[in-house]
Amino acid sequence: MNADERSKRWLATATIAIGALLLVVLLAQTALALPPRPVPAPKQPAAKPAGSATVLLVQFPETWDWKETGWQSLWTVVQWEDEWGVWHDVTGWQGTLDDVEIQKDGTVVGEKGWWVPEAKFGSGPFRWNVYYSKGGVLLAQSEPFNLPATVTVSLAP
């Protein structure tokens, strides 16, 4: 390689190095010119209004076929009764059971709860319905109650 070729190679290498250095400087200046990113405040849990839970306890019979119907598929609905005696579903108080427990005596009890603000205490009548599944067959219905309450129904045939 002659001197002229070495000069050209050196010039190309220097041009690339200077270009890269300029790019780094420009990027650094751009980054420094950006305003600092805001740091989000930690989320605080929403304060629950004063109140209490209305709870449904569902007692499963010893003969319950767990292979056919798991507790997670049962659908619960709270209803309210109007002045003409017609029952209406409470839109926000519908869903599957929250949990089940096996009691010391071997009884299986499912639970569903909804929060009731203090301002609604004493209102009613309400009732719980337990269905085989959402839109399924009615399995159990509680007696009417006023809020808040703990209500027990049995799925025994």
Protein backbone atom coordinates (compact mmCIF):
# COMPACT_ATOMS: atom_id res chain seq x y z
CA MET A 1 0.00 0.00 0.00
CA ASN A 2 1.45 3.30 -1.00
CA ALA A 3 1.41 6.60 0.90
CA ASP A 4 -1.53 7.93 -1.07
CA GLU A 5 -3.72 4.92 -0.17
CA ARG A 6 -2.69 5.19 3.50
CA SER A 7 -3.67 8.85 3.48
CA LYS A 8 -7.05 8.07 2.00
CA ARG A 9 -7.66 5.29 4.55
CA TRP A 10 -6.56 7.52 7.42
CA LEU A 11 -8.83 10.31 6.18
CA ALA A 12 -11.83 7.92 5.91
CA THR A 13 -11.20 6.57 9.41
CA ALA A 14 -10.83 10.07 10.83
CA THR A 15 -14.04 11.20 9.09
CA ILE A 16 -15.98 8.27 10.57
CA ALA A 17 -14.52 8.89 14.05
CA ILE A 18 -15.33 12.61 13.92
CA GLY A 19 -18.86 11.85 12.67
CA ALA A 20 -19.43 9.39 15.50
CA LEU A 21 -18.08 11.88 18.04
CA LEU A 22 -20.40 14.60 16.71
CA LEU A 23 -23.35 12.20 16.91
CA VAL A 24 -22.55 11.40 20.54
CA VAL A 25 -22.24 15.11 21.39
CA LEU A 26 -25.55 15.90 19.67
CA LEU A 27 -27.35 13.05 21.46
CA ALA A 28 -25.92 14.14 24.81
CA GLN A 29 -27.04 17.74 24.26
CA THR A 30 -30.50 16.57 23.22
CA ALA A 31 -30.80 14.39 26.31
CA LEU A 32 -29.66 17.24 28.54
CA ALA A 33 -32.15 19.63 26.89
CA LEU A 34 -35.13 17.36 27.65
CA PRO A 35 -37.10 18.22 30.77
CA PRO A 36 -36.83 15.68 33.57
CA ARG A 37 -39.42 12.92 33.52
CA PRO A 38 -42.07 13.34 36.19
CA VAL A 39 -41.98 10.72 38.90
CA PRO A 40 -45.49 9.36 39.49
CA ALA A 41 -46.78 9.61 43.02
CA PRO A 42 -47.38 6.25 44.67
CA LYS A 43 -51.00 5.19 44.35
CA GLN A 44 -52.94 5.32 47.57
CA PRO A 45 -55.79 2.86 48.04
CA ALA A 46 -59.16 4.54 47.91
CA ALA A 47 -60.64 5.04 51.35
CA LYS A 48 -63.64 2.82 51.93
CA PRO A 49 -66.70 4.71 53.10
CA ALA A 50 -68.07 3.79 56.49
CA GLY A 51 -70.20 0.69 56.22
CA SER A 52 -70.27 -3.07 56.51
CA ALA A 53 -70.43 -6.14 54.30
CA THR A 54 -73.53 -8.03 53.28
CA VAL A 55 -72.45 -11.66 53.12
CA LEU A 56 -73.92 -14.79 51.60
CA LEU A 57 -72.89 -18.15 53.05
CA VAL A 58 -73.65 -21.12 50.79
CA GLN A 59 -73.72 -24.55 52.42
CA PHE A 60 -72.88 -27.39 50.05
CA PRO A 61 -74.46 -30.81 50.70
CA GLU A 62 -72.24 -33.83 51.33
CA THR A 63 -73.57 -35.29 48.07
CA TRP A 64 -72.42 -32.32 45.94
CA ASP A 65 -70.82 -33.58 42.71
CA TRP A 66 -67.61 -31.52 42.64
CA LYS A 67 -66.53 -33.09 39.35
CA GLU A 68 -69.72 -31.94 37.63
CA THR A 69 -69.97 -28.48 39.23
CA GLY A 70 -67.11 -26.65 40.88
CA TRP A 71 -67.89 -23.87 43.31
CA GLN A 72 -66.33 -21.33 40.91
CA SER A 73 -69.16 -21.79 38.38
CA LEU A 74 -72.01 -20.89 40.76
CA TRP A 75 -73.50 -17.45 40.09
CA THR A 76 -74.92 -15.26 42.85
CA VAL A 77 -77.29 -12.32 42.42
CA VAL A 78 -78.70 -9.91 44.98
CA GLN A 79 -82.22 -8.74 44.20
CA TRP A 80 -84.36 -5.92 45.62
CA GLU A 81 -88.14 -5.84 45.88
CA ASP A 82 -90.11 -2.83 44.65
CA GLU A 83 -93.38 -1.51 46.13
CA TRP A 84 -95.43 -3.80 43.85
CA GLY A 85 -93.67 -6.95 45.04
CA VAL A 86 -91.55 -7.37 41.90
CA TRP A 87 -87.96 -8.51 42.39
CA HIS A 88 -85.13 -6.83 40.40
CA ASP A 89 -81.48 -7.86 40.05
CA VAL A 90 -78.97 -5.46 41.58
CA THR A 91 -76.66 -4.90 38.62
CA GLY A 92 -73.45 -4.41 40.60
CA TRP A 93 -74.05 -7.23 43.08
CA GLN A 94 -73.67 -10.30 40.88
CA GLY A 95 -70.82 -12.74 40.56
CA THR A 96 -69.22 -16.02 41.51
CA LEU A 97 -68.40 -17.02 45.06
CA ASP A 98 -65.33 -15.36 46.55
CA ASP A 99 -64.08 -18.39 48.45
CA VAL A 100 -65.00 -21.71 50.05
CA GLU A 101 -63.90 -23.21 53.34
CA ILE A 102 -64.08 -26.71 54.72
CA GLN A 103 -65.38 -26.46 58.28
CA LYS A 104 -64.08 -28.64 61.14
CA ASP A 105 -67.12 -30.91 60.76
CA GLY A 106 -66.33 -31.41 57.04
CA THR A 107 -69.10 -29.12 55.80
CA VAL A 108 -68.15 -27.00 52.78
CA VAL A 109 -69.31 -23.36 52.94
CA GLY A 110 -68.92 -20.85 50.12
CA GLU A 111 -68.91 -17.11 50.66
CA LYS A 112 -69.78 -13.99 48.65
CA GLY A 113 -69.74 -10.46 50.02
CA TRP A 114 -70.57 -6.94 48.92
CA TRP A 115 -69.75 -3.67 50.70
CA VAL A 116 -72.72 -1.67 51.95
CA PRO A 117 -72.23 2.02 52.72
CA GLU A 118 -73.62 3.15 56.06
CA ALA A 119 -76.17 5.37 54.30
CA LYS A 120 -77.89 2.19 52.95
CA PHE A 121 -78.19 0.45 56.33
CA GLY A 122 -81.75 -0.71 57.00
CA SER A 123 -82.84 -0.54 53.36
CA GLY A 124 -84.60 -3.49 51.84
CA PRO A 125 -86.00 -5.93 51.30
CA PHE A 126 -83.26 -7.75 49.43
CA ARG A 127 -82.64 -11.45 48.76
CA TRP A 128 -79.83 -13.62 47.41
CA ASN A 129 -80.25 -16.05 44.52
CA VAL A 130 -77.72 -18.77 43.75
CA TYR A 131 -77.69 -20.18 40.23
CA TYR A 132 -75.99 -23.23 38.73
CA SER A 133 -74.09 -20.81 36.46
CA LYS A 134 -74.58 -17.34 35.00
CA GLY A 135 -77.99 -17.54 33.32
CA GLY A 136 -78.42 -21.08 34.68
CA VAL A 137 -80.94 -22.87 36.88
CA LEU A 138 -81.86 -21.37 40.27
CA LEU A 139 -80.42 -23.57 43.05
CA ALA A 140 -81.24 -21.57 46.17
CA GLN A 141 -82.97 -18.39 47.27
CA SER A 142 -82.67 -16.66 50.62
CA GLU A 143 -85.40 -15.20 52.75
CA PRO A 144 -85.78 -11.41 52.38
CA PHE A 145 -83.45 -9.27 54.51
CA ASN A 146 -82.46 -5.65 55.10
CA LEU A 147 -78.93 -4.30 54.69
CA PRO A 148 -76.39 -5.21 55.97
CA ALA A 149 -76.88 -8.89 56.76
CA THR A 150 -75.20 -12.27 56.79
CA VAL A 151 -77.49 -14.73 55.04
CA THR A 152 -77.12 -18.50 54.79
CA VAL A 153 -78.62 -20.72 52.09
CA SER A 154 -78.28 -24.44 51.56
CA LEU A 155 -77.82 -26.18 48.23
CA ALA A 156 -79.19 -29.41 49.69
CA PRO A 157 -81.84 -30.99 47.47
